[in-house]
């Protein structure tokens, strides 16, 4: 069964970038809600070395059918060469909340 709704995770180098991406997703009605976290510490492997940096995480609630457009927009606005974009299906949720996502993201 394919989920109609997604929770997409992404990270940004700073709050200004996170705010910019969140506003663009909401203004284009690609997402119903984007939560922006407090700074987190990420430890990762990049260019043959272990790196550690402060990042801000985005949690994007959307319809699955908008994933490709969201990916395109995030890549366009994101400063990272390879931004994190991980989509998790929402298989269950409060029906009125899921309806809100659907109604909010329809043009």
C-alpha atoms as a PDB file:
ATOM      1  CA  UNK A   1       0.000   0.000   0.000  1.00  0.00           C
ATOM      2  CA  UNK A   2       1.480   3.319  -1.044  1.00  0.00           C
ATOM      3  CA  UNK A   3       1.163   6.124   1.503  1.00  0.00           C
ATOM      4  CA  UNK A   4      -0.527   9.334   0.406  1.00  0.00           C
ATOM      5  CA  UNK A   5       1.383  11.417   2.969  1.00  0.00           C
ATOM      6  CA  UNK A   6       5.083  11.874   3.709  1.00  0.00           C
ATOM      7  CA  UNK A   7       7.276  13.191   6.475  1.00  0.00           C
ATOM      8  CA  UNK A   8      10.473  14.474   4.848  1.00  0.00           C
ATOM      9  CA  UNK A   9      13.630  15.180   6.821  1.00  0.00           C
ATOM     10  CA  UNK A  10      16.308  17.589   5.718  1.00  0.00           C
ATOM     11  CA  UNK A  11      19.094  19.522   7.398  1.00  0.00           C
ATOM     12  CA  UNK A  12      20.377  23.027   6.728  1.00  0.00           C
ATOM     13  CA  UNK A  13      23.618  24.759   7.708  1.00  0.00           C
ATOM     14  CA  UNK A  14      21.785  27.570   9.542  1.00  0.00           C
ATOM     15  CA  UNK A  15      18.390  28.931  10.542  1.00  0.00           C
ATOM     16  CA  UNK A  16      18.305  31.486   7.708  1.00  0.00           C
ATOM     17  CA  UNK A  17      18.551  28.721   5.102  1.00  0.00           C
ATOM     18  CA  UNK A  18      15.974  26.640   6.964  1.00  0.00           C
ATOM     19  CA  UNK A  19      13.583  29.604   7.143  1.00  0.00           C
ATOM     20  CA  UNK A  20      14.005  30.312   3.434  1.00  0.00           C
ATOM     21  CA  UNK A  21      13.274  26.725   2.417  1.00  0.00           C
ATOM     22  CA  UNK A  22      10.339  26.425   4.841  1.00  0.00           C
ATOM     23  CA  UNK A  23       8.746  29.651   3.587  1.00  0.00           C
ATOM     24  CA  UNK A  24       9.148  28.574  -0.043  1.00  0.00           C
ATOM     25  CA  UNK A  25       7.551  25.182   0.648  1.00  0.00           C
ATOM     26  CA  UNK A  26       4.589  26.737   2.442  1.00  0.00           C
ATOM     27  CA  UNK A  27       4.122  29.610  -0.026  1.00  0.00           C
ATOM     28  CA  UNK A  28       4.040  27.208  -2.977  1.00  0.00           C
ATOM     29  CA  UNK A  29       1.636  24.890  -1.086  1.00  0.00           C
ATOM     30  CA  UNK A  30       3.994  21.952  -1.466  1.00  0.00           C
ATOM     31  CA  UNK A  31       3.945  21.386   2.299  1.00  0.00           C
ATOM     32  CA  UNK A  32       1.293  21.928   4.940  1.00  0.00           C
ATOM     33  CA  UNK A  33       3.810  22.375   7.759  1.00  0.00           C
ATOM     34  CA  UNK A  34       7.574  22.631   8.098  1.00  0.00           C
ATOM     35  CA  UNK A  35       9.044  22.371  11.557  1.00  0.00           C
ATOM     36  CA  UNK A  36      12.464  23.912  12.152  1.00  0.00           C
ATOM     37  CA  UNK A  37      14.522  22.500  15.000  1.00  0.00           C
ATOM     38  CA  UNK A  38      16.981  24.098  17.331  1.00  0.00           C
ATOM     39  CA  UNK A  39      20.598  23.588  16.243  1.00  0.00           C
ATOM     40  CA  UNK A  40      21.712  19.976  16.336  1.00  0.00           C
ATOM     41  CA  UNK A  41      25.162  18.465  16.047  1.00  0.00           C
ATOM     42  CA  UNK A  42      25.716  16.237  13.035  1.00  0.00           C
ATOM     43  CA  UNK A  43      28.671  13.884  12.749  1.00  0.00           C
ATOM     44  CA  UNK A  44      29.157  12.459   9.279  1.00  0.00           C
ATOM     45  CA  UNK A  45      31.661  11.202   6.748  1.00  0.00           C
ATOM     46  CA  UNK A  46      32.334  13.529   3.775  1.00  0.00           C
ATOM     47  CA  UNK A  47      35.280  13.850   1.363  1.00  0.00           C
ATOM     48  CA  UNK A  48      37.173  11.019   3.043  1.00  0.00           C
ATOM     49  CA  UNK A  49      37.041  12.539   6.503  1.00  0.00           C
ATOM     50  CA  UNK A  50      34.856  12.580   9.588  1.00  0.00           C
ATOM     51  CA  UNK A  51      33.133  15.956   9.947  1.00  0.00           C
ATOM     52  CA  UNK A  52      31.116  17.543  12.718  1.00  0.00           C
ATOM     53  CA  UNK A  53      28.922  20.596  12.292  1.00  0.00           C
ATOM     54  CA  UNK A  54      25.934  22.425  13.696  1.00  0.00           C
ATOM     55  CA  UNK A  55      22.813  22.094  11.542  1.00  0.00           C
ATOM     56  CA  UNK A  56      19.122  22.873  11.730  1.00  0.00           C
ATOM     57  CA  UNK A  57      16.679  20.082  10.892  1.00  0.00           C
ATOM     58  CA  UNK A  58      13.507  20.463   8.851  1.00  0.00           C
ATOM     59  CA  UNK A  59      10.515  18.160   9.212  1.00  0.00           C
ATOM     60  CA  UNK A  60       8.259  18.612   6.199  1.00  0.00           C
ATOM     61  CA  UNK A  61       4.666  17.294   6.219  1.00  0.00           C
ATOM     62  CA  UNK A  62       3.244  16.890   2.730  1.00  0.00           C
ATOM     63  CA  UNK A  63       1.400  14.831   0.179  1.00  0.00           C
ATOM     64  CA  UNK A  64       3.494  12.107  -1.433  1.00  0.00           C
ATOM     65  CA  UNK A  65       2.559  13.377  -4.885  1.00  0.00           C
ATOM     66  CA  UNK A  66       4.497  16.599  -4.153  1.00  0.00           C
ATOM     67  CA  UNK A  67       7.797  14.859  -3.395  1.00  0.00           C
ATOM     68  CA  UNK A  68       9.450  15.522  -6.769  1.00  0.00           C
ATOM     69  CA  UNK A  69       8.564  19.235  -6.667  1.00  0.00           C
ATOM     70  CA  UNK A  70       9.809  19.472  -3.065  1.00  0.00           C
ATOM     71  CA  UNK A  71      13.069  17.787  -4.020  1.00  0.00           C
ATOM     72  CA  UNK A  72      13.551  20.210  -6.922  1.00  0.00           C
ATOM     73  CA  UNK A  73      12.839  23.267  -4.744  1.00  0.00           C
ATOM     74  CA  UNK A  74      15.118  22.139  -1.906  1.00  0.00           C
ATOM     75  CA  UNK A  75      17.988  21.413  -4.306  1.00  0.00           C
ATOM     76  CA  UNK A  76      17.487  24.839  -5.886  1.00  0.00           C
ATOM     77  CA  UNK A  77      17.579  26.711  -2.542  1.00  0.00           C
ATOM     78  CA  UNK A  78      20.017  24.560  -0.584  1.00  0.00           C
ATOM     79  CA  UNK A  79      23.725  25.432  -0.355  1.00  0.00           C
ATOM     80  CA  UNK A  80      24.902  21.831   0.184  1.00  0.00           C
ATOM     81  CA  UNK A  81      26.261  19.877  -2.755  1.00  0.00           C
ATOM     82  CA  UNK A  82      24.183  16.896  -1.588  1.00  0.00           C
ATOM     83  CA  UNK A  83      21.394  17.989   0.766  1.00  0.00           C
ATOM     84  CA  UNK A  84      19.735  15.459   3.033  1.00  0.00           C
ATOM     85  CA  UNK A  85      16.282  14.521   1.792  1.00  0.00           C
ATOM     86  CA  UNK A  86      14.764  11.444   3.413  1.00  0.00           C
ATOM     87  CA  UNK A  87      11.067  10.743   2.963  1.00  0.00           C
ATOM     88  CA  UNK A  88       9.180   8.490   5.335  1.00  0.00           C
ATOM     89  CA  UNK A  89       5.629   7.402   4.528  1.00  0.00           C
ATOM     90  CA  UNK A  90       2.941   8.347   7.003  1.00  0.00           C
ATOM     91  CA  UNK A  91       0.914   5.133   7.173  1.00  0.00           C
ATOM     92  CA  UNK A  92      -1.347   6.224   9.999  1.00  0.00           C
ATOM     93  CA  UNK A  93      -2.297   9.484  11.619  1.00  0.00           C
ATOM     94  CA  UNK A  94      -5.178  11.407  13.085  1.00  0.00           C
ATOM     95  CA  UNK A  95      -7.701  11.635  10.235  1.00  0.00           C
ATOM     96  CA  UNK A  96      -8.477  15.354  10.703  1.00  0.00           C
ATOM     97  CA  UNK A  97      -4.733  16.165  10.691  1.00  0.00           C
ATOM     98  CA  UNK A  98      -4.163  14.213   7.481  1.00  0.00           C
ATOM     99  CA  UNK A  99      -7.188  15.917   5.928  1.00  0.00           C
ATOM    100  CA  UNK A 100      -5.668  19.275   6.912  1.00  0.00           C
ATOM    101  CA  UNK A 101      -2.422  18.363   5.122  1.00  0.00           C
ATOM    102  CA  UNK A 102      -4.393  17.456   2.009  1.00  0.00           C
ATOM    103  CA  UNK A 103      -6.585  20.557   2.058  1.00  0.00           C
ATOM    104  CA  UNK A 104      -3.685  22.908   2.818  1.00  0.00           C
ATOM    105  CA  UNK A 105      -1.503  21.682  -0.017  1.00  0.00           C
ATOM    106  CA  UNK A 106      -4.057  21.777  -2.804  1.00  0.00           C
ATOM    107  CA  UNK A 107      -3.872  24.727  -5.163  1.00  0.00           C
END
